[in-house]
Amino acid sequence: LDALGKYPHEFSGGQRQRIAIARALITRPRLIVADEP
């Protein structure tokens, strides 16, 4: 939960990609297109 109020520069590359994946999951999609993730 502590990640909610932080900014991208406070995270490593791997953590930033986890944030990007969380953004993709939030609408509960059926298909994810991952372009060189």
Full PDB file with SEQRES, HELIX, SHEET, SSBOND, CRYST1, ORIGX, SCALE, CONECT and MASTER records, all heavy atoms in Angstrom:
SEQRES   1 A   37  LEU ASP ALA LEU GLY LYS TYR PRO HIS GLU PHE SER GLY          
SEQRES   2 A   37  GLY GLN ARG GLN ARG ILE ALA ILE ALA ARG ALA LEU ILE          
SEQRES   3 A   37  THR ARG PRO ARG LEU ILE VAL ALA ASP GLU PRO                  
HELIX    1 AA1 PRO A    8  GLU A   10  5                                   3    
HELIX    2 AA2 GLY A   13  LEU A   25  1                                  13    
CRYST1    1.000    1.000    1.000  90.00  90.00  90.00 P 1           1          
ORIGX1      1.000000  0.000000  0.000000        0.00000                         
ORIGX2      0.000000  1.000000  0.000000        0.00000                         
ORIGX3      0.000000  0.000000  1.000000        0.00000                         
SCALE1      1.000000  0.000000  0.000000        0.00000                         
SCALE2      0.000000  1.000000  0.000000        0.00000                         
SCALE3      0.000000  0.000000  1.000000        0.00000                         
ATOM      1  N   LEU A   1       0.811  -1.220   0.000  1.00  0.00           N  
ATOM      2  CA  LEU A   1       0.000   0.000   0.000  1.00  0.00           C  
ATOM      3  C   LEU A   1       0.842   1.266   0.000  1.00  0.00           C  
ATOM      4  O   LEU A   1       0.427   2.297  -0.530  1.00  0.00           O  
ATOM      5  CB  LEU A   1      -0.920   0.013   1.227  1.00  0.00           C  
ATOM      6  CG  LEU A   1      -2.226  -0.781   1.133  1.00  0.00           C  
ATOM      7  CD1 LEU A   1      -2.928  -0.761   2.480  1.00  0.00           C  
ATOM      8  CD2 LEU A   1      -3.130  -0.177   0.066  1.00  0.00           C  
ATOM      9  N   ASP A   2       2.033   1.189   0.583  1.00  0.00           N  
ATOM     10  CA  ASP A   2       2.864   2.388   0.664  1.00  0.00           C  
ATOM     11  C   ASP A   2       3.318   2.870  -0.708  1.00  0.00           C  
ATOM     12  O   ASP A   2       3.787   4.001  -0.859  1.00  0.00           O  
ATOM     13  CB  ASP A   2       4.077   2.140   1.559  1.00  0.00           C  
ATOM     14  CG  ASP A   2       4.957   1.006   1.055  1.00  0.00           C  
ATOM     15  OD1 ASP A   2       4.438   0.131   0.346  1.00  0.00           O  
ATOM     16  OD2 ASP A   2       6.164   1.008   1.375  1.00  0.00           O  
ATOM     17  N   ALA A   3       3.171   2.027  -1.734  1.00  0.00           N  
ATOM     18  CA  ALA A   3       3.572   2.436  -3.081  1.00  0.00           C  
ATOM     19  C   ALA A   3       2.603   3.438  -3.693  1.00  0.00           C  
ATOM     20  O   ALA A   3       2.965   4.177  -4.614  1.00  0.00           O  
ATOM     21  CB  ALA A   3       3.668   1.204  -3.984  1.00  0.00           C  
ATOM     22  N   LEU A   4       1.363   3.496  -3.201  1.00  0.00           N  
ATOM     23  CA  LEU A   4       0.331   4.317  -3.833  1.00  0.00           C  
ATOM     24  C   LEU A   4       0.711   5.792  -3.908  1.00  0.00           C  
ATOM     25  O   LEU A   4       0.436   6.467  -4.896  1.00  0.00           O  
ATOM     26  CB  LEU A   4      -0.997   4.159  -3.079  1.00  0.00           C  
ATOM     27  CG  LEU A   4      -1.722   2.829  -3.241  1.00  0.00           C  
ATOM     28  CD1 LEU A   4      -2.916   2.756  -2.296  1.00  0.00           C  
ATOM     29  CD2 LEU A   4      -2.179   2.634  -4.676  1.00  0.00           C  
ATOM     30  N   GLY A   5       1.323   6.317  -2.853  1.00  0.00           N  
ATOM     31  CA  GLY A   5       1.634   7.739  -2.822  1.00  0.00           C  
ATOM     32  C   GLY A   5       3.008   8.091  -3.354  1.00  0.00           C  
ATOM     33  O   GLY A   5       3.376   9.273  -3.344  1.00  0.00           O  
ATOM     34  N   LYS A   6       3.754   7.108  -3.838  1.00  0.00           N  
ATOM     35  CA  LYS A   6       5.104   7.373  -4.331  1.00  0.00           C  
ATOM     36  C   LYS A   6       5.094   7.686  -5.827  1.00  0.00           C  
ATOM     37  O   LYS A   6       4.087   7.542  -6.510  1.00  0.00           O  
ATOM     38  CB  LYS A   6       5.999   6.174  -4.050  1.00  0.00           C  
ATOM     39  CG  LYS A   6       6.248   5.915  -2.564  1.00  0.00           C  
ATOM     40  CD  LYS A   6       7.199   4.752  -2.360  1.00  0.00           C  
ATOM     41  CE  LYS A   6       7.482   4.525  -0.876  1.00  0.00           C  
ATOM     42  NZ  LYS A   6       8.418   3.386  -0.664  1.00  0.00           N  
ATOM     43  N   TYR A   7       6.280   8.080  -6.327  1.00  0.00           N  
ATOM     44  CA  TYR A   7       6.448   8.431  -7.736  1.00  0.00           C  
ATOM     45  C   TYR A   7       7.378   7.413  -8.399  1.00  0.00           C  
ATOM     46  O   TYR A   7       8.178   6.733  -7.722  1.00  0.00           O  
ATOM     47  CB  TYR A   7       7.022   9.842  -7.870  1.00  0.00           C  
ATOM     48  CG  TYR A   7       6.043  10.916  -7.455  1.00  0.00           C  
ATOM     49  CD1 TYR A   7       5.912  11.272  -6.112  1.00  0.00           C  
ATOM     50  CD2 TYR A   7       5.240  11.550  -8.404  1.00  0.00           C  
ATOM     51  CE1 TYR A   7       4.994  12.249  -5.729  1.00  0.00           C  
ATOM     52  CE2 TYR A   7       4.326  12.541  -8.028  1.00  0.00           C  
ATOM     53  CZ  TYR A   7       4.214  12.872  -6.692  1.00  0.00           C  
ATOM     54  OH  TYR A   7       3.308  13.823  -6.316  1.00  0.00           O  
ATOM     55  N   PRO A   8       7.308   7.278  -9.742  1.00  0.00           N  
ATOM     56  CA  PRO A   8       8.092   6.254 -10.437  1.00  0.00           C  
ATOM     57  C   PRO A   8       9.584   6.284 -10.141  1.00  0.00           C  
ATOM     58  O   PRO A   8      10.233   5.233 -10.092  1.00  0.00           O  
ATOM     59  CB  PRO A   8       7.806   6.547 -11.917  1.00  0.00           C  
ATOM     60  CG  PRO A   8       6.435   7.125 -11.915  1.00  0.00           C  
ATOM     61  CD  PRO A   8       6.366   7.956 -10.665  1.00  0.00           C  
ATOM     62  N   HIS A   9      10.157   7.487  -9.951  1.00  0.00           N  
ATOM     63  CA  HIS A   9      11.603   7.550  -9.753  1.00  0.00           C  
ATOM     64  C   HIS A   9      12.042   6.901  -8.436  1.00  0.00           C  
ATOM     65  O   HIS A   9      13.244   6.667  -8.228  1.00  0.00           O  
ATOM     66  CB  HIS A   9      12.075   9.021  -9.789  1.00  0.00           C  
ATOM     67  CG  HIS A   9      11.701   9.814  -8.570  1.00  0.00           C  
ATOM     68  ND1 HIS A   9      10.515  10.525  -8.477  1.00  0.00           N  
ATOM     69  CD2 HIS A   9      12.351  10.002  -7.383  1.00  0.00           C  
ATOM     70  CE1 HIS A   9      10.462  11.124  -7.303  1.00  0.00           C  
ATOM     71  NE2 HIS A   9      11.561  10.831  -6.610  1.00  0.00           N  
ATOM     72  N   GLU A  10      11.107   6.594  -7.563  1.00  0.00           N  
ATOM     73  CA  GLU A  10      11.441   5.979  -6.284  1.00  0.00           C  
ATOM     74  C   GLU A  10      11.510   4.449  -6.379  1.00  0.00           C  
ATOM     75  O   GLU A  10      11.729   3.790  -5.365  1.00  0.00           O  
ATOM     76  CB  GLU A  10      10.409   6.379  -5.230  1.00  0.00           C  
ATOM     77  CG  GLU A  10      10.329   7.887  -4.991  1.00  0.00           C  
ATOM     78  CD  GLU A  10       9.292   8.252  -3.953  1.00  0.00           C  
ATOM     79  OE1 GLU A  10       9.498   7.917  -2.761  1.00  0.00           O  
ATOM     80  OE2 GLU A  10       8.265   8.868  -4.323  1.00  0.00           O  
ATOM     81  N   PHE A  11      11.348   3.899  -7.580  1.00  0.00           N  
ATOM     82  CA  PHE A  11      11.329   2.451  -7.754  1.00  0.00           C  
ATOM     83  C   PHE A  11      12.406   1.999  -8.729  1.00  0.00           C  
ATOM     84  O   PHE A  11      12.851   2.762  -9.589  1.00  0.00           O  
ATOM     85  CB  PHE A  11       9.956   1.992  -8.273  1.00  0.00           C  
ATOM     86  CG  PHE A  11       8.819   2.286  -7.340  1.00  0.00           C  
ATOM     87  CD1 PHE A  11       8.116   3.478  -7.424  1.00  0.00           C  
ATOM     88  CD2 PHE A  11       8.458   1.368  -6.362  1.00  0.00           C  
ATOM     89  CE1 PHE A  11       7.074   3.757  -6.564  1.00  0.00           C  
ATOM     90  CE2 PHE A  11       7.412   1.643  -5.493  1.00  0.00           C  
ATOM     91  CZ  PHE A  11       6.720   2.830  -5.588  1.00  0.00           C  
ATOM     92  N   SER A  12      12.800   0.750  -8.592  1.00  0.00           N  
ATOM     93  CA  SER A  12      13.751   0.149  -9.532  1.00  0.00           C  
ATOM     94  C   SER A  12      13.033  -0.185 -10.833  1.00  0.00           C  
ATOM     95  O   SER A  12      11.801  -0.103 -10.939  1.00  0.00           O  
ATOM     96  CB  SER A  12      14.346  -1.122  -8.934  1.00  0.00           C  
ATOM     97  OG  SER A  12      13.333  -2.116  -8.785  1.00  0.00           O  
ATOM     98  N   GLY A  13      13.813  -0.602 -11.852  1.00  0.00           N  
ATOM     99  CA  GLY A  13      13.226  -0.952 -13.137  1.00  0.00           C  
ATOM    100  C   GLY A  13      12.223  -2.092 -13.040  1.00  0.00           C  
ATOM    101  O   GLY A  13      11.140  -2.046 -13.636  1.00  0.00           O  
ATOM    102  N   GLY A  14      12.581  -3.121 -12.281  1.00  0.00           N  
ATOM    103  CA  GLY A  14      11.679  -4.245 -12.118  1.00  0.00           C  
ATOM    104  C   GLY A  14      10.395  -3.860 -11.403  1.00  0.00           C  
ATOM    105  O   GLY A  14       9.301  -4.312 -11.759  1.00  0.00           O  
ATOM    106  N   GLN A  15      10.510  -2.984 -10.402  1.00  0.00           N  
ATOM    107  CA  GLN A  15       9.322  -2.526  -9.672  1.00  0.00           C  
ATOM    108  C   GLN A  15       8.442  -1.656 -10.565  1.00  0.00           C  
ATOM    109  O   GLN A  15       7.213  -1.718 -10.495  1.00  0.00           O  
ATOM    110  CB  GLN A  15       9.752  -1.752  -8.427  1.00  0.00           C  
ATOM    111  CG  GLN A  15      10.365  -2.631  -7.340  1.00  0.00           C  
ATOM    112  CD  GLN A  15      10.932  -1.811  -6.196  1.00  0.00           C  
ATOM    113  OE1 GLN A  15      11.497  -0.729  -6.401  1.00  0.00           O  
ATOM    114  NE2 GLN A  15      10.790  -2.305  -4.981  1.00  0.00           N  
ATOM    115  N   ARG A  16       9.075  -0.851 -11.412  1.00  0.00           N  
ATOM    116  CA  ARG A  16       8.287  -0.020 -12.333  1.00  0.00           C  
ATOM    117  C   ARG A  16       7.491  -0.897 -13.301  1.00  0.00           C  
ATOM    118  O   ARG A  16       6.339  -0.593 -13.626  1.00  0.00           O  
ATOM    119  CB  ARG A  16       9.202   0.914 -13.121  1.00  0.00           C  
ATOM    120  CG  ARG A  16       9.874   1.970 -12.278  1.00  0.00           C  
ATOM    121  CD  ARG A  16      10.611   2.962 -13.143  1.00  0.00           C  
ATOM    122  NE  ARG A  16      11.557   3.740 -12.356  1.00  0.00           N  
ATOM    123  CZ  ARG A  16      12.180   4.819 -12.800  1.00  0.00           C  
ATOM    124  NH1 ARG A  16      11.963   5.244 -14.029  1.00  0.00           N  
ATOM    125  NH2 ARG A  16      13.026   5.475 -12.041  1.00  0.00           N  
ATOM    126  N   GLN A  17       8.099  -1.981 -13.761  1.00  0.00           N  
ATOM    127  CA  GLN A  17       7.363  -2.851 -14.670  1.00  0.00           C  
ATOM    128  C   GLN A  17       6.222  -3.559 -13.938  1.00  0.00           C  
ATOM    129  O   GLN A  17       5.171  -3.829 -14.524  1.00  0.00           O  
ATOM    130  CB  GLN A  17       8.304  -3.865 -15.329  1.00  0.00           C  
ATOM    131  CG  GLN A  17       7.757  -4.516 -16.594  1.00  0.00           C  
ATOM    132  CD  GLN A  17       7.493  -3.535 -17.716  1.00  0.00           C  
ATOM    133  OE1 GLN A  17       6.709  -2.601 -17.568  1.00  0.00           O  
ATOM    134  NE2 GLN A  17       8.122  -3.766 -18.857  1.00  0.00           N  
ATOM    135  N   ARG A  18       6.404  -3.837 -12.653  1.00  0.00           N  
ATOM    136  CA  ARG A  18       5.306  -4.389 -11.857  1.00  0.00           C  
ATOM    137  C   ARG A  18       4.156  -3.385 -11.752  1.00  0.00           C  
ATOM    138  O   ARG A  18       2.979  -3.760 -11.794  1.00  0.00           O  
ATOM    139  CB  ARG A  18       5.801  -4.771 -10.453  1.00  0.00           C  
ATOM    140  CG  ARG A  18       6.698  -6.008 -10.436  1.00  0.00           C  
ATOM    141  CD  ARG A  18       7.291  -6.236  -9.057  1.00  0.00           C  
ATOM    142  NE  ARG A  18       8.209  -7.368  -9.055  1.00  0.00           N  
ATOM    143  CZ  ARG A  18       7.870  -8.611  -8.689  1.00  0.00           C  
ATOM    144  NH1 ARG A  18       6.640  -8.868  -8.266  1.00  0.00           N  
ATOM    145  NH2 ARG A  18       8.745  -9.586  -8.726  1.00  0.00           N  
ATOM    146  N   ILE A  19       4.500  -2.119 -11.624  1.00  0.00           N  
ATOM    147  CA  ILE A  19       3.469  -1.075 -11.600  1.00  0.00           C  
ATOM    148  C   ILE A  19       2.733  -1.034 -12.937  1.00  0.00           C  
ATOM    149  O   ILE A  19       1.496  -0.910 -12.989  1.00  0.00           O  
ATOM    150  CB  ILE A  19       4.103   0.294 -11.278  1.00  0.00           C  
ATOM    151  CG1 ILE A  19       4.662   0.294  -9.850  1.00  0.00           C  
ATOM    152  CG2 ILE A  19       3.094   1.421 -11.469  1.00  0.00           C  
ATOM    153  CD1 ILE A  19       5.525   1.504  -9.530  1.00  0.00           C  
ATOM    154  N   ALA A  20       3.478  -1.158 -14.043  1.00  0.00           N  
ATOM    155  CA  ALA A  20       2.854  -1.165 -15.367  1.00  0.00           C  
ATOM    156  C   ALA A  20       1.930  -2.376 -15.522  1.00  0.00           C  
ATOM    157  O   ALA A  20       0.857  -2.276 -16.126  1.00  0.00           O  
ATOM    158  CB  ALA A  20       3.929  -1.169 -16.445  1.00  0.00           C  
ATOM    159  N   ILE A  21       2.336  -3.510 -14.976  1.00  0.00           N  
ATOM    160  CA  ILE A  21       1.497  -4.708 -15.040  1.00  0.00           C  
ATOM    161  C   ILE A  21       0.248  -4.517 -14.187  1.00  0.00           C  
ATOM    162  O   ILE A  21      -0.862  -4.913 -14.568  1.00  0.00           O  
ATOM    163  CB  ILE A  21       2.295  -5.947 -14.595  1.00  0.00           C  
ATOM    164  CG1 ILE A  21       3.420  -6.232 -15.600  1.00  0.00           C  
ATOM    165  CG2 ILE A  21       1.389  -7.169 -14.462  1.00  0.00           C  
ATOM    166  CD1 ILE A  21       4.400  -7.300 -15.128  1.00  0.00           C  
ATOM    167  N   ALA A  22       0.403  -3.891 -13.014  1.00  0.00           N  
ATOM    168  CA  ALA A  22      -0.760  -3.601 -12.161  1.00  0.00           C  
ATOM    169  C   ALA A  22      -1.747  -2.705 -12.891  1.00  0.00           C  
ATOM    170  O   ALA A  22      -2.970  -2.899 -12.803  1.00  0.00           O  
ATOM    171  CB  ALA A  22      -0.299  -2.950 -10.859  1.00  0.00           C  
ATOM    172  N   ARG A  23      -1.238  -1.715 -13.608  1.00  0.00           N  
ATOM    173  CA  ARG A  23      -2.122  -0.833 -14.382  1.00  0.00           C  
ATOM    174  C   ARG A  23      -2.886  -1.628 -15.447  1.00  0.00           C  
ATOM    175  O   ARG A  23      -4.067  -1.376 -15.696  1.00  0.00           O  
ATOM    176  CB  ARG A  23      -1.294   0.270 -15.050  1.00  0.00           C  
ATOM    177  CG  ARG A  23      -2.102   1.192 -15.950  1.00  0.00           C  
ATOM    178  CD  ARG A  23      -1.260   2.338 -16.481  1.00  0.00           C  
ATOM    179  NE  ARG A  23      -0.102   1.871 -17.225  1.00  0.00           N  
ATOM    180  CZ  ARG A  23       0.850   2.667 -17.699  1.00  0.00           C  
ATOM    181  NH1 ARG A  23       0.786   3.965 -17.494  1.00  0.00           N  
ATOM    182  NH2 ARG A  23       1.877   2.180 -18.363  1.00  0.00           N  
ATOM    183  N   ALA A  24      -2.212  -2.599 -16.070  1.00  0.00           N  
ATOM    184  CA  ALA A  24      -2.882  -3.417 -17.088  1.00  0.00           C  
ATOM    185  C   ALA A  24      -3.930  -4.337 -16.478  1.00  0.00           C  
ATOM    186  O   ALA A  24      -4.932  -4.664 -17.122  1.00  0.00           O  
ATOM    187  CB  ALA A  24      -1.841  -4.241 -17.843  1.00  0.00           C  
ATOM    188  N   LEU A  25      -3.725  -4.747 -15.225  1.00  0.00           N  
ATOM    189  CA  LEU A  25      -4.640  -5.702 -14.589  1.00  0.00           C  
ATOM    190  C   LEU A  25      -5.865  -5.047 -13.975  1.00  0.00           C  
ATOM    191  O   LEU A  25      -6.857  -5.733 -13.695  1.00  0.00           O  
ATOM    192  CB  LEU A  25      -3.903  -6.472 -13.486  1.00  0.00           C  
ATOM    193  CG  LEU A  25      -2.848  -7.494 -13.907  1.00  0.00           C  
ATOM    194  CD1 LEU A  25      -2.156  -8.040 -12.671  1.00  0.00           C  
ATOM    195  CD2 LEU A  25      -3.486  -8.624 -14.706  1.00  0.00           C  
ATOM    196  N   ILE A  26      -5.844  -3.739 -13.776  1.00  0.00           N  
ATOM    197  CA  ILE A  26      -6.859  -3.114 -12.931  1.00  0.00           C  
ATOM    198  C   ILE A  26      -8.263  -3.179 -13.543  1.00  0.00           C  
ATOM    199  O   ILE A  26      -9.261  -3.158 -12.827  1.00  0.00           O  
ATOM    200  CB  ILE A  26      -6.463  -1.653 -12.605  1.00  0.00           C  
ATOM    201  CG1 ILE A  26      -7.239  -1.163 -11.378  1.00  0.00           C  
ATOM    202  CG2 ILE A  26      -6.670  -0.748 -13.812  1.00  0.00           C  
ATOM    203  CD1 ILE A  26      -6.702   0.108 -10.788  1.00  0.00           C  
ATOM    204  N   THR A  27      -8.376  -3.282 -14.861  1.00  0.00           N  
ATOM    205  CA  THR A  27      -9.699  -3.407 -15.482  1.00  0.00           C  
ATOM    206  C   THR A  27     -10.144  -4.865 -15.577  1.00  0.00           C  
ATOM    207  O   THR A  27     -11.202  -5.144 -16.146  1.00  0.00           O  
ATOM    208  CB  THR A  27      -9.710  -2.796 -16.893  1.00  0.00           C  
ATOM    209  OG1 THR A  27      -8.797  -3.515 -17.727  1.00  0.00           O  
ATOM    210  CG2 THR A  27      -9.333  -1.327 -16.859  1.00  0.00           C  
ATOM    211  N   ARG A  28      -9.319  -5.778 -15.020  1.00  0.00           N  
ATOM    212  CA  ARG A  28      -9.605  -7.218 -15.073  1.00  0.00           C  
ATOM    213  C   ARG A  28      -9.804  -7.683 -16.511  1.00  0.00           C  
ATOM    214  O   ARG A  28     -10.857  -8.195 -16.894  1.00  0.00           O  
ATOM    215  CB  ARG A  28     -10.833  -7.548 -14.225  1.00  0.00           C  
ATOM    216  CG  ARG A  28     -10.584  -7.242 -12.745  1.00  0.00           C  
ATOM    217  CD  ARG A  28     -11.865  -7.092 -11.958  1.00  0.00           C  
ATOM    218  NE  ARG A  28     -11.561  -6.651 -10.575  1.00  0.00           N  
ATOM    219  CZ  ARG A  28     -12.466  -6.143  -9.758  1.00  0.00           C  
ATOM    220  NH1 ARG A  28     -13.725  -6.016 -10.141  1.00  0.00           N  
ATOM    221  NH2 ARG A  28     -12.127  -5.772  -8.532  1.00  0.00           N  
ATOM    222  N   PRO A  29      -8.782  -7.490 -17.347  1.00  0.00           N  
ATOM    223  CA  PRO A  29      -8.906  -7.807 -18.778  1.00  0.00           C  
ATOM    224  C   PRO A  29      -8.862  -9.312 -19.028  1.00  0.00           C  
ATOM    225  O   PRO A  29      -8.496 -10.097 -18.148  1.00  0.00           O  
ATOM    226  CB  PRO A  29      -7.677  -7.128 -19.386  1.00  0.00           C  
ATOM    227  CG  PRO A  29      -6.653  -7.205 -18.285  1.00  0.00           C  
ATOM    228  CD  PRO A  29      -7.436  -7.008 -17.004  1.00  0.00           C  
ATOM    229  N   ARG A  30      -9.201  -9.695 -20.240  1.00  0.00           N  
ATOM    230  CA  ARG A  30      -9.105 -11.091 -20.663  1.00  0.00           C  
ATOM    231  C   ARG A  30      -7.874 -11.321 -21.519  1.00  0.00           C  
ATOM    232  O   ARG A  30      -7.433 -12.450 -21.683  1.00  0.00           O  
ATOM    233  CB  ARG A  30     -10.367 -11.491 -21.436  1.00  0.00           C  
ATOM    234  CG  ARG A  30     -11.650 -11.351 -20.610  1.00  0.00           C  
ATOM    235  CD  ARG A  30     -12.832 -11.919 -21.351  1.00  0.00           C  
ATOM    236  NE  ARG A  30     -12.654 -13.355 -21.551  1.00  0.00           N  
ATOM    237  CZ  ARG A  30     -13.351 -14.072 -22.424  1.00  0.00           C  
ATOM    238  NH1 ARG A  30     -14.265 -13.475 -23.190  1.00  0.00           N  
ATOM    239  NH2 ARG A  30     -13.146 -15.370 -22.557  1.00  0.00           N  
ATOM    240  N   LEU A  31      -7.328 -10.254 -22.095  1.00  0.00           N  
ATOM    241  CA  LEU A  31      -6.147 -10.348 -22.962  1.00  0.00           C  
ATOM    242  C   LEU A  31      -5.160  -9.259 -22.596  1.00  0.00           C  
ATOM    243  O   LEU A  31      -5.540  -8.098 -22.433  1.00  0.00           O  
ATOM    244  CB  LEU A  31      -6.555 -10.199 -24.434  1.00  0.00           C  
ATOM    245  CG  LEU A  31      -5.418 -10.025 -25.455  1.00  0.00           C  
ATOM    246  CD1 LEU A  31      -4.582 -11.302 -25.554  1.00  0.00           C  
ATOM    247  CD2 LEU A  31      -5.972  -9.640 -26.820  1.00  0.00           C  
ATOM    248  N   ILE A  32      -3.891  -9.634 -22.476  1.00  0.00           N  
ATOM    249  CA  ILE A  32      -2.818  -8.672 -22.281  1.00  0.00           C  
ATOM    250  C   ILE A  32      -1.831  -8.812 -23.439  1.00  0.00           C  
ATOM    251  O   ILE A  32      -1.386  -9.911 -23.760  1.00  0.00           O  
ATOM    252  CB  ILE A  32      -2.092  -8.876 -20.938  1.00  0.00           C  
ATOM    253  CG1 ILE A  32      -2.975  -8.386 -19.793  1.00  0.00           C  
ATOM    254  CG2 ILE A  32      -0.755  -8.140 -20.922  1.00  0.00           C  
ATOM    255  CD1 ILE A  32      -2.319  -8.447 -18.436  1.00  0.00           C  
ATOM    256  N   VAL A  33      -1.530  -7.684 -24.062  1.00  0.00           N  
ATOM    257  CA  VAL A  33      -0.506  -7.625 -25.108  1.00  0.00           C  
ATOM    258  C   VAL A  33       0.752  -7.058 -24.474  1.00  0.00           C  
ATOM    259  O   VAL A  33       0.755  -5.920 -24.006  1.00  0.00           O  
ATOM    260  CB  VAL A  33      -0.964  -6.746 -26.291  1.00  0.00           C  
ATOM    261  CG1 VAL A  33       0.140  -6.647 -27.333  1.00  0.00           C  
ATOM    262  CG2 VAL A  33      -2.237  -7.320 -26.913  1.00  0.00           C  
ATOM    263  N   ALA A  34       1.799  -7.867 -24.419  1.00  0.00           N  
ATOM    264  CA  ALA A  34       3.056  -7.457 -23.790  1.00  0.00           C  
ATOM    265  C   ALA A  34       4.107  -7.271 -24.880  1.00  0.00           C  
ATOM    266  O   ALA A  34       4.540  -8.237 -25.508  1.00  0.00           O  
ATOM    267  CB  ALA A  34       3.513  -8.516 -22.785  1.00  0.00           C  
ATOM    268  N   ASP A  35       4.494  -6.023 -25.124  1.00  0.00           N  
ATOM    269  CA  ASP A  35       5.450  -5.700 -26.188  1.00  0.00           C  
ATOM    270  C   ASP A  35       6.839  -5.526 -25.582  1.00  0.00           C  
ATOM    271  O   ASP A  35       7.143  -4.507 -24.981  1.00  0.00           O  
ATOM    272  CB  ASP A  35       5.006  -4.421 -26.908  1.00  0.00           C  
ATOM    273  CG  ASP A  35       5.851  -4.124 -28.147  1.00  0.00           C  
ATOM    274  OD1 ASP A  35       6.722  -4.949 -28.469  1.00  0.00           O  
ATOM    275  OD2 ASP A  35       5.627  -3.084 -28.783  1.00  0.00           O  
ATOM    276  N   GLU A  36       7.670  -6.554 -25.720  1.00  0.00           N  
ATOM    277  CA  GLU A  36       9.034  -6.547 -25.177  1.00  0.00           C  
ATOM    278  C   GLU A  36       9.034  -6.119 -23.708  1.00  0.00           C  
ATOM    279  O   GLU A  36       9.745  -5.181 -23.315  1.00  0.00           O  
ATOM    280  CB  GLU A  36       9.920  -5.602 -25.993  1.00  0.00           C  
ATOM    281  CG  GLU A  36      10.036  -5.936 -27.477  1.00  0.00           C  
ATOM    282  CD  GLU A  36      11.125  -6.939 -27.775  1.00  0.00           C  
ATOM    283  OE1 GLU A  36      11.629  -7.551 -26.816  1.00  0.00           O  
ATOM    284  OE2 GLU A  36      11.459  -7.123 -28.949  1.00  0.00           O  
ATOM    285  N   PRO A  37       8.282  -6.769 -22.834  1.00  0.00           N  
ATOM    286  CA  PRO A  37       8.102  -6.255 -21.473  1.00  0.00           C  
ATOM    287  C   PRO A  37       9.322  -6.374 -20.569  1.00  0.00           C  
ATOM    288  O   PRO A  37       9.330  -5.766 -19.497  1.00  0.00           O  
ATOM    289  CB  PRO A  37       6.947  -7.115 -20.929  1.00  0.00           C  
ATOM    290  CG  PRO A  37       7.068  -8.403 -21.675  1.00  0.00           C  
ATOM    291  CD  PRO A  37       7.525  -8.017 -23.049  1.00  0.00           C  
TER     292      PRO A  37                                                      
MASTER        0    0    0    2    0    0    0    6  291    1    0    3          
END                                                                             
